[in-house]
Amino acid sequence: NPDGTSTYSMKTWSTTGPEPGWMRVVTEDASDLSA
């Protein structure tokens, strides 16, 4: 993010079903690794 924080998103679904929206989202502070 522009403020240096990082947002992580995750989802999982059965291959026979439709793709859902993001199921888990968390934003970590700017001390996270950039790569």
PDB file of all heavy atoms in Angstrom:
ATOM      1  N   ASN A   1       0.825  -1.207   0.000  1.00  0.00           N
ATOM      2  CA  ASN A   1       0.000   0.000   0.000  1.00  0.00           C
ATOM      3  C   ASN A   1       0.861   1.259   0.000  1.00  0.00           C
ATOM      4  O   ASN A   1       2.036   1.206   0.378  1.00  0.00           O
ATOM      5  CB  ASN A   1      -0.917  -0.022   1.228  1.00  0.00           C
ATOM      6  CG  ASN A   1      -1.782  -1.271   1.248  1.00  0.00           C
ATOM      7  OD1 ASN A   1      -2.398  -1.637   0.260  1.00  0.00           O
ATOM      8  ND2 ASN A   1      -1.812  -1.949   2.381  1.00  0.00           N
ATOM      9  N   PRO A   2       0.304   2.403  -0.431  1.00  0.00           N
ATOM     10  CA  PRO A   2       1.078   3.650  -0.487  1.00  0.00           C
ATOM     11  C   PRO A   2       1.712   4.043   0.856  1.00  0.00           C
ATOM     12  O   PRO A   2       2.772   4.655   0.878  1.00  0.00           O
ATOM     13  CB  PRO A   2       0.049   4.691  -0.930  1.00  0.00           C
ATOM     14  CG  PRO A   2      -0.986   3.901  -1.669  1.00  0.00           C
ATOM     15  CD  PRO A   2      -1.036   2.573  -0.979  1.00  0.00           C
ATOM     16  N   ASP A   3       1.094   3.661   1.972  1.00  0.00           N
ATOM     17  CA  ASP A   3       1.647   4.019   3.287  1.00  0.00           C
ATOM     18  C   ASP A   3       2.705   3.034   3.777  1.00  0.00           C
ATOM     19  O   ASP A   3       3.187   3.128   4.899  1.00  0.00           O
ATOM     20  CB  ASP A   3       0.528   4.146   4.323  1.00  0.00           C
ATOM     21  CG  ASP A   3      -0.204   2.831   4.570  1.00  0.00           C
ATOM     22  OD1 ASP A   3       0.112   1.816   3.916  1.00  0.00           O
ATOM     23  OD2 ASP A   3      -1.114   2.831   5.429  1.00  0.00           O
ATOM     24  N   GLY A   4       3.088   2.059   2.926  1.00  0.00           N
ATOM     25  CA  GLY A   4       4.125   1.106   3.280  1.00  0.00           C
ATOM     26  C   GLY A   4       3.615  -0.154   3.945  1.00  0.00           C
ATOM     27  O   GLY A   4       4.379  -1.084   4.179  1.00  0.00           O
ATOM     28  N   THR A   5       2.328  -0.221   4.278  1.00  0.00           N
ATOM     29  CA  THR A   5       1.760  -1.441   4.842  1.00  0.00           C
ATOM     30  C   THR A   5       1.549  -2.470   3.728  1.00  0.00           C
ATOM     31  O   THR A   5       1.613  -2.131   2.544  1.00  0.00           O
ATOM     32  CB  THR A   5       0.417  -1.156   5.547  1.00  0.00           C
ATOM     33  OG1 THR A   5      -0.512  -0.636   4.587  1.00  0.00           O
ATOM     34  CG2 THR A   5       0.593  -0.163   6.694  1.00  0.00           C
ATOM     35  N   SER A   6       1.289  -3.705   4.106  1.00  0.00           N
ATOM     36  CA  SER A   6       1.037  -4.767   3.131  1.00  0.00           C
ATOM     37  C   SER A   6      -0.299  -5.416   3.433  1.00  0.00           C
ATOM     38  O   SER A   6      -0.594  -5.740   4.590  1.00  0.00           O
ATOM     39  CB  SER A   6       2.126  -5.834   3.202  1.00  0.00           C
ATOM     40  OG  SER A   6       3.387  -5.285   2.889  1.00  0.00           O
ATOM     41  N   THR A   7      -1.132  -5.620   2.406  1.00  0.00           N
ATOM     42  CA  THR A   7      -2.422  -6.282   2.562  1.00  0.00           C
ATOM     43  C   THR A   7      -2.343  -7.666   1.940  1.00  0.00           C
ATOM     44  O   THR A   7      -1.997  -7.802   0.766  1.00  0.00           O
ATOM     45  CB  THR A   7      -3.555  -5.460   1.918  1.00  0.00           C
ATOM     46  OG1 THR A   7      -3.614  -4.188   2.569  1.00  0.00           O
ATOM     47  CG2 THR A   7      -4.899  -6.157   2.056  1.00  0.00           C
ATOM     48  N   TYR A   8      -2.673  -8.692   2.749  1.00  0.00           N
ATOM     49  CA  TYR A   8      -2.648 -10.084   2.328  1.00  0.00           C
ATOM     50  C   TYR A   8      -4.081 -10.582   2.194  1.00  0.00           C
ATOM     51  O   TYR A   8      -4.905 -10.362   3.083  1.00  0.00           O
ATOM     52  CB  TYR A   8      -1.905 -10.938   3.362  1.00  0.00           C
ATOM     53  CG  TYR A   8      -0.457 -10.554   3.509  1.00  0.00           C
ATOM     54  CD1 TYR A   8      -0.076  -9.545   4.371  1.00  0.00           C
ATOM     55  CD2 TYR A   8       0.524 -11.209   2.772  1.00  0.00           C
ATOM     56  CE1 TYR A   8       1.258  -9.183   4.505  1.00  0.00           C
ATOM     57  CE2 TYR A   8       1.853 -10.845   2.893  1.00  0.00           C
ATOM     58  CZ  TYR A   8       2.218  -9.836   3.763  1.00  0.00           C
ATOM     59  OH  TYR A   8       3.533  -9.488   3.888  1.00  0.00           O
ATOM     60  N   SER A   9      -4.382 -11.261   1.098  1.00  0.00           N
ATOM     61  CA  SER A   9      -5.726 -11.796   0.851  1.00  0.00           C
ATOM     62  C   SER A   9      -5.611 -13.267   0.475  1.00  0.00           C
ATOM     63  O   SER A   9      -4.653 -13.678  -0.182  1.00  0.00           O
ATOM     64  CB  SER A   9      -6.400 -11.036  -0.301  1.00  0.00           C
ATOM     65  OG  SER A   9      -6.393  -9.651  -0.054  1.00  0.00           O
ATOM     66  N   MET A  10      -6.618 -14.060   0.884  1.00  0.00           N
ATOM     67  CA  MET A  10      -6.592 -15.490   0.609  1.00  0.00           C
ATOM     68  C   MET A  10      -8.015 -15.997   0.389  1.00  0.00           C
ATOM     69  O   MET A  10      -8.964 -15.511   1.000  1.00  0.00           O
ATOM     70  CB  MET A  10      -5.979 -16.229   1.798  1.00  0.00           C
ATOM     71  CG  MET A  10      -5.984 -17.724   1.643  1.00  0.00           C
ATOM     72  SD  MET A  10      -5.136 -18.661   2.952  1.00  0.00           S
ATOM     73  CE  MET A  10      -5.211 -17.646   4.368  1.00  0.00           C
ATOM     74  N   LYS A  11      -8.132 -16.993  -0.499  1.00  0.00           N
ATOM     75  CA  LYS A  11      -9.407 -17.686  -0.696  1.00  0.00           C
ATOM     76  C   LYS A  11      -9.130 -19.087  -1.205  1.00  0.00           C
ATOM     77  O   LYS A  11      -8.070 -19.369  -1.763  1.00  0.00           O
ATOM     78  CB  LYS A  11     -10.312 -16.927  -1.673  1.00  0.00           C
ATOM     79  CG  LYS A  11      -9.735 -16.670  -3.050  1.00  0.00           C
ATOM     80  CD  LYS A  11     -10.714 -15.847  -3.858  1.00  0.00           C
ATOM     81  CE  LYS A  11     -10.069 -15.138  -5.013  1.00  0.00           C
ATOM     82  NZ  LYS A  11     -11.047 -14.333  -5.755  1.00  0.00           N
ATOM     83  N   THR A  12     -10.084 -19.973  -0.990  1.00  0.00           N
ATOM     84  CA  THR A  12     -10.008 -21.334  -1.503  1.00  0.00           C
ATOM     85  C   THR A  12     -11.422 -21.787  -1.846  1.00  0.00           C
ATOM     86  O   THR A  12     -12.390 -21.314  -1.254  1.00  0.00           O
ATOM     87  CB  THR A  12      -9.351 -22.294  -0.485  1.00  0.00           C
ATOM     88  OG1 THR A  12      -9.220 -23.586  -1.085  1.00  0.00           O
ATOM     89  CG2 THR A  12     -10.153 -22.402   0.785  1.00  0.00           C
ATOM     90  N   TRP A  13     -11.516 -22.669  -2.827  1.00  0.00           N
ATOM     91  CA  TRP A  13     -12.832 -23.159  -3.237  1.00  0.00           C
ATOM     92  C   TRP A  13     -12.668 -24.463  -3.992  1.00  0.00           C
ATOM     93  O   TRP A  13     -11.616 -24.770  -4.535  1.00  0.00           O
ATOM     94  CB  TRP A  13     -13.560 -22.113  -4.090  1.00  0.00           C
ATOM     95  CG  TRP A  13     -12.948 -21.836  -5.430  1.00  0.00           C
ATOM     96  CD1 TRP A  13     -13.348 -22.357  -6.632  1.00  0.00           C
ATOM     97  CD2 TRP A  13     -11.842 -20.990  -5.733  1.00  0.00           C
ATOM     98  NE1 TRP A  13     -12.559 -21.886  -7.648  1.00  0.00           N
ATOM     99  CE2 TRP A  13     -11.621 -21.033  -7.119  1.00  0.00           C
ATOM    100  CE3 TRP A  13     -10.995 -20.189  -4.949  1.00  0.00           C
ATOM    101  CZ2 TRP A  13     -10.591 -20.331  -7.746  1.00  0.00           C
ATOM    102  CZ3 TRP A  13      -9.975 -19.482  -5.589  1.00  0.00           C
ATOM    103  CH2 TRP A  13      -9.792 -19.561  -6.977  1.00  0.00           C
ATOM    104  N   SER A  14     -13.736 -25.251  -3.998  1.00  0.00           N
ATOM    105  CA  SER A  14     -13.749 -26.502  -4.744  1.00  0.00           C
ATOM    106  C   SER A  14     -13.657 -26.178  -6.234  1.00  0.00           C
ATOM    107  O   SER A  14     -14.292 -25.237  -6.709  1.00  0.00           O
ATOM    108  CB  SER A  14     -15.037 -27.271  -4.446  1.00  0.00           C
ATOM    109  OG  SER A  14     -15.215 -28.305  -5.383  1.00  0.00           O
ATOM    110  N   THR A  15     -12.907 -26.959  -6.975  1.00  0.00           N
ATOM    111  CA  THR A  15     -12.752 -26.706  -8.418  1.00  0.00           C
ATOM    112  C   THR A  15     -14.060 -26.863  -9.175  1.00  0.00           C
ATOM    113  O   THR A  15     -14.179 -26.398 -10.300  1.00  0.00           O
ATOM    114  CB  THR A  15     -11.691 -27.638  -9.038  1.00  0.00           C
ATOM    115  OG1 THR A  15     -12.051 -28.992  -8.775  1.00  0.00           O
ATOM    116  CG2 THR A  15     -10.320 -27.354  -8.478  1.00  0.00           C
ATOM    117  N   THR A  16     -15.068 -27.479  -8.549  1.00  0.00           N
ATOM    118  CA  THR A  16     -16.367 -27.626  -9.218  1.00  0.00           C
ATOM    119  C   THR A  16     -17.296 -26.454  -8.923  1.00  0.00           C
ATOM    120  O   THR A  16     -18.381 -26.380  -9.481  1.00  0.00           O
ATOM    121  CB  THR A  16     -17.065 -28.938  -8.791  1.00  0.00           C
ATOM    122  OG1 THR A  16     -17.269 -28.914  -7.377  1.00  0.00           O
ATOM    123  CG2 THR A  16     -16.231 -30.143  -9.185  1.00  0.00           C
ATOM    124  N   GLY A  17     -16.887 -25.551  -8.040  1.00  0.00           N
ATOM    125  CA  GLY A  17     -17.729 -24.419  -7.678  1.00  0.00           C
ATOM    126  C   GLY A  17     -17.209 -23.111  -8.229  1.00  0.00           C
ATOM    127  O   GLY A  17     -16.111 -23.046  -8.778  1.00  0.00           O
ATOM    128  N   PRO A  18     -17.987 -22.030  -8.066  1.00  0.00           N
ATOM    129  CA  PRO A  18     -17.548 -20.723  -8.543  1.00  0.00           C
ATOM    130  C   PRO A  18     -16.487 -20.123  -7.623  1.00  0.00           C
ATOM    131  O   PRO A  18     -16.427 -20.439  -6.436  1.00  0.00           O
ATOM    132  CB  PRO A  18     -18.832 -19.884  -8.487  1.00  0.00           C
ATOM    133  CG  PRO A  18     -19.635 -20.516  -7.405  1.00  0.00           C
ATOM    134  CD  PRO A  18     -19.317 -21.988  -7.471  1.00  0.00           C
ATOM    135  N   GLU A  19     -15.650 -19.265  -8.192  1.00  0.00           N
ATOM    136  CA  GLU A  19     -14.618 -18.595  -7.397  1.00  0.00           C
ATOM    137  C   GLU A  19     -15.272 -17.564  -6.473  1.00  0.00           C
ATOM    138  O   GLU A  19     -16.017 -16.702  -6.924  1.00  0.00           O
ATOM    139  CB  GLU A  19     -13.610 -17.909  -8.309  1.00  0.00           C
ATOM    140  CG  GLU A  19     -12.496 -17.229  -7.555  1.00  0.00           C
ATOM    141  CD  GLU A  19     -11.416 -16.659  -8.462  1.00  0.00           C
ATOM    142  OE1 GLU A  19     -11.353 -17.016  -9.657  1.00  0.00           O
ATOM    143  OE2 GLU A  19     -10.636 -15.841  -7.967  1.00  0.00           O
ATOM    144  N   PRO A  20     -14.991 -17.645  -5.157  1.00  0.00           N
ATOM    145  CA  PRO A  20     -15.588 -16.693  -4.213  1.00  0.00           C
ATOM    146  C   PRO A  20     -14.785 -15.397  -4.141  1.00  0.00           C
ATOM    147  O   PRO A  20     -13.703 -15.293  -4.724  1.00  0.00           O
ATOM    148  CB  PRO A  20     -15.496 -17.451  -2.883  1.00  0.00           C
ATOM    149  CG  PRO A  20     -14.237 -18.246  -3.017  1.00  0.00           C
ATOM    150  CD  PRO A  20     -14.200 -18.661  -4.480  1.00  0.00           C
ATOM    151  N   GLY A  21     -15.308 -14.448  -3.387  1.00  0.00           N
ATOM    152  CA  GLY A  21     -14.535 -13.247  -3.066  1.00  0.00           C
ATOM    153  C   GLY A  21     -13.449 -13.618  -2.070  1.00  0.00           C
ATOM    154  O   GLY A  21     -13.360 -14.762  -1.610  1.00  0.00           O
ATOM    155  N   TRP A  22     -12.614 -12.648  -1.705  1.00  0.00           N
ATOM    156  CA  TRP A  22     -11.544 -12.914  -0.739  1.00  0.00           C
ATOM    157  C   TRP A  22     -12.155 -13.314   0.598  1.00  0.00           C
ATOM    158  O   TRP A  22     -13.035 -12.653   1.115  1.00  0.00           O
ATOM    159  CB  TRP A  22     -10.646 -11.688  -0.590  1.00  0.00           C
ATOM    160  CG  TRP A  22      -9.913 -11.385  -1.856  1.00  0.00           C
ATOM    161  CD1 TRP A  22     -10.139 -10.340  -2.707  1.00  0.00           C
ATOM    162  CD2 TRP A  22      -8.870 -12.155  -2.449  1.00  0.00           C
ATOM    163  NE1 TRP A  22      -9.297 -10.410  -3.787  1.00  0.00           N
ATOM    164  CE2 TRP A  22      -8.500 -11.520  -3.650  1.00  0.00           C
ATOM    165  CE3 TRP A  22      -8.200 -13.319  -2.086  1.00  0.00           C
ATOM    166  CZ2 TRP A  22      -7.503 -12.011  -4.480  1.00  0.00           C
ATOM    167  CZ3 TRP A  22      -7.203 -13.804  -2.922  1.00  0.00           C
ATOM    168  CH2 TRP A  22      -6.863 -13.145  -4.102  1.00  0.00           C
ATOM    169  N   MET A  23     -11.688 -14.423   1.146  1.00  0.00           N
ATOM    170  CA  MET A  23     -12.261 -14.971   2.373  1.00  0.00           C
ATOM    171  C   MET A  23     -11.541 -14.473   3.624  1.00  0.00           C
ATOM    172  O   MET A  23     -12.148 -14.361   4.679  1.00  0.00           O
ATOM    173  CB  MET A  23     -12.209 -16.497   2.316  1.00  0.00           C
ATOM    174  CG  MET A  23     -12.992 -17.054   1.131  1.00  0.00           C
ATOM    175  SD  MET A  23     -12.613 -18.770   0.807  1.00  0.00           S
ATOM    176  CE  MET A  23     -13.648 -19.565   1.993  1.00  0.00           C
ATOM    177  N   ARG A  24     -10.268 -14.229   3.529  1.00  0.00           N
ATOM    178  CA  ARG A  24      -9.478 -13.743   4.657  1.00  0.00           C
ATOM    179  C   ARG A  24      -8.594 -12.620   4.145  1.00  0.00           C
ATOM    180  O   ARG A  24      -7.857 -12.784   3.179  1.00  0.00           O
ATOM    181  CB  ARG A  24      -8.602 -14.844   5.255  1.00  0.00           C
ATOM    182  CG  ARG A  24      -9.361 -16.055   5.741  1.00  0.00           C
ATOM    183  CD  ARG A  24     -10.408 -15.774   6.787  1.00  0.00           C
ATOM    184  NE  ARG A  24      -9.820 -15.270   8.007  1.00  0.00           N
ATOM    185  CZ  ARG A  24     -10.470 -14.488   8.870  1.00  0.00           C
ATOM    186  NH1 ARG A  24     -11.707 -14.136   8.656  1.00  0.00           N
ATOM    187  NH2 ARG A  24      -9.883 -14.069   9.958  1.00  0.00           N
ATOM    188  N   VAL A  25      -8.649 -11.466   4.808  1.00  0.00           N
ATOM    189  CA  VAL A  25      -7.844 -10.307   4.430  1.00  0.00           C
ATOM    190  C   VAL A  25      -7.252  -9.715   5.704  1.00  0.00           C
ATOM    191  O   VAL A  25      -7.953  -9.577   6.709  1.00  0.00           O
ATOM    192  CB  VAL A  25      -8.689  -9.234   3.708  1.00  0.00           C
ATOM    193  CG1 VAL A  25      -7.850  -8.013   3.364  1.00  0.00           C
ATOM    194  CG2 VAL A  25      -9.326  -9.806   2.449  1.00  0.00           C
ATOM    195  N   VAL A  26      -5.968  -9.414   5.679  1.00  0.00           N
ATOM    196  CA  VAL A  26      -5.311  -8.782   6.824  1.00  0.00           C
ATOM    197  C   VAL A  26      -4.287  -7.779   6.289  1.00  0.00           C
ATOM    198  O   VAL A  26      -3.665  -8.012   5.258  1.00  0.00           O
ATOM    199  CB  VAL A  26      -4.642  -9.829   7.751  1.00  0.00           C
ATOM    200  CG1 VAL A  26      -3.505 -10.548   7.059  1.00  0.00           C
ATOM    201  CG2 VAL A  26      -4.191  -9.206   9.051  1.00  0.00           C
ATOM    202  N   THR A  27      -4.149  -6.657   6.977  1.00  0.00           N
ATOM    203  CA  THR A  27      -3.130  -5.657   6.626  1.00  0.00           C
ATOM    204  C   THR A  27      -2.100  -5.616   7.744  1.00  0.00           C
ATOM    205  O   THR A  27      -2.450  -5.492   8.918  1.00  0.00           O
ATOM    206  CB  THR A  27      -3.766  -4.270   6.425  1.00  0.00           C
ATOM    207  OG1 THR A  27      -4.692  -4.357   5.338  1.00  0.00           O
ATOM    208  CG2 THR A  27      -2.715  -3.225   6.085  1.00  0.00           C
ATOM    209  N   GLU A  28      -0.839  -5.748   7.357  1.00  0.00           N
ATOM    210  CA  GLU A  28       0.272  -5.734   8.313  1.00  0.00           C
ATOM    211  C   GLU A  28       0.955  -4.373   8.257  1.00  0.00           C
ATOM    212  O   GLU A  28       0.878  -3.661   7.256  1.00  0.00           O
ATOM    213  CB  GLU A  28       1.280  -6.839   7.970  1.00  0.00           C
ATOM    214  CG  GLU A  28       0.693  -8.232   7.995  1.00  0.00           C
ATOM    215  CD  GLU A  28       0.432  -8.754   9.401  1.00  0.00           C
ATOM    216  OE1 GLU A  28       0.857  -8.113  10.381  1.00  0.00           O
ATOM    217  OE2 GLU A  28      -0.198  -9.815   9.517  1.00  0.00           O
ATOM    218  N   ASP A  29       1.685  -4.028   9.315  1.00  0.00           N
ATOM    219  CA  ASP A  29       2.309  -2.709   9.379  1.00  0.00           C
ATOM    220  C   ASP A  29       3.505  -2.591   8.433  1.00  0.00           C
ATOM    221  O   ASP A  29       3.902  -3.549   7.784  1.00  0.00           O
ATOM    222  CB  ASP A  29       2.684  -2.348  10.812  1.00  0.00           C
ATOM    223  CG  ASP A  29       3.742  -3.259  11.408  1.00  0.00           C
ATOM    224  OD1 ASP A  29       4.591  -3.785  10.662  1.00  0.00           O
ATOM    225  OD2 ASP A  29       3.728  -3.444  12.631  1.00  0.00           O
ATOM    226  N   ALA A  30       4.095  -1.408   8.389  1.00  0.00           N
ATOM    227  CA  ALA A  30       5.156  -1.103   7.425  1.00  0.00           C
ATOM    228  C   ALA A  30       6.468  -1.829   7.725  1.00  0.00           C
ATOM    229  O   ALA A  30       7.391  -1.765   6.919  1.00  0.00           O
ATOM    230  CB  ALA A  30       5.387   0.402   7.374  1.00  0.00           C
ATOM    231  N   SER A  31       6.568  -2.549   8.844  1.00  0.00           N
ATOM    232  CA  SER A  31       7.799  -3.285   9.143  1.00  0.00           C
ATOM    233  C   SER A  31       7.879  -4.600   8.374  1.00  0.00           C
ATOM    234  O   SER A  31       8.877  -5.307   8.461  1.00  0.00           O
ATOM    235  CB  SER A  31       7.903  -3.559  10.650  1.00  0.00           C
ATOM    236  OG  SER A  31       6.894  -4.469  11.049  1.00  0.00           O
ATOM    237  N   ASP A  32       6.823  -4.940   7.623  1.00  0.00           N
ATOM    238  CA  ASP A  32       6.830  -6.165   6.816  1.00  0.00           C
ATOM    239  C   ASP A  32       7.899  -6.104   5.732  1.00  0.00           C
ATOM    240  O   ASP A  32       8.354  -5.026   5.350  1.00  0.00           O
ATOM    241  CB  ASP A  32       5.465  -6.359   6.141  1.00  0.00           C
ATOM    242  CG  ASP A  32       4.680  -7.495   6.758  1.00  0.00           C
ATOM    243  OD1 ASP A  32       5.163  -8.075   7.738  1.00  0.00           O
ATOM    244  OD2 ASP A  32       3.603  -7.792   6.260  1.00  0.00           O
ATOM    245  N   LEU A  33       8.271  -7.265   5.229  1.00  0.00           N
ATOM    246  CA  LEU A  33       9.249  -7.331   4.142  1.00  0.00           C
ATOM    247  C   LEU A  33       8.649  -6.791   2.856  1.00  0.00           C
ATOM    248  O   LEU A  33       7.475  -6.977   2.590  1.00  0.00           O
ATOM    249  CB  LEU A  33       9.693  -8.781   3.930  1.00  0.00           C
ATOM    250  CG  LEU A  33      10.340  -9.445   5.144  1.00  0.00           C
ATOM    251  CD1 LEU A  33      10.608 -10.910   4.847  1.00  0.00           C
ATOM    252  CD2 LEU A  33      11.614  -8.740   5.523  1.00  0.00           C
ATOM    253  N   SER A  34       9.471  -6.150   2.037  1.00  0.00           N
ATOM    254  CA  SER A  34       8.967  -5.589   0.778  1.00  0.00           C
ATOM    255  C   SER A  34       9.101  -6.567  -0.382  1.00  0.00           C
ATOM    256  O   SER A  34       8.614  -6.301  -1.474  1.00  0.00           O
ATOM    257  CB  SER A  34       9.716  -4.302   0.453  1.00  0.00           C
ATOM    258  OG  SER A  34      11.102  -4.574   0.316  1.00  0.00           O
ATOM    259  N   ALA A  35       9.766  -7.687  -0.186  1.00  0.00           N
ATOM    260  CA  ALA A  35       9.928  -8.694  -1.237  1.00  0.00           C
ATOM    261  C   ALA A  35      10.071 -10.048  -0.553  1.00  0.00           C
ATOM    262  O   ALA A  35      10.359 -10.125   0.635  1.00  0.00           O
ATOM    263  CB  ALA A  35      11.159  -8.390  -2.090  1.00  0.00           C
TER     264      ALA A  35
END
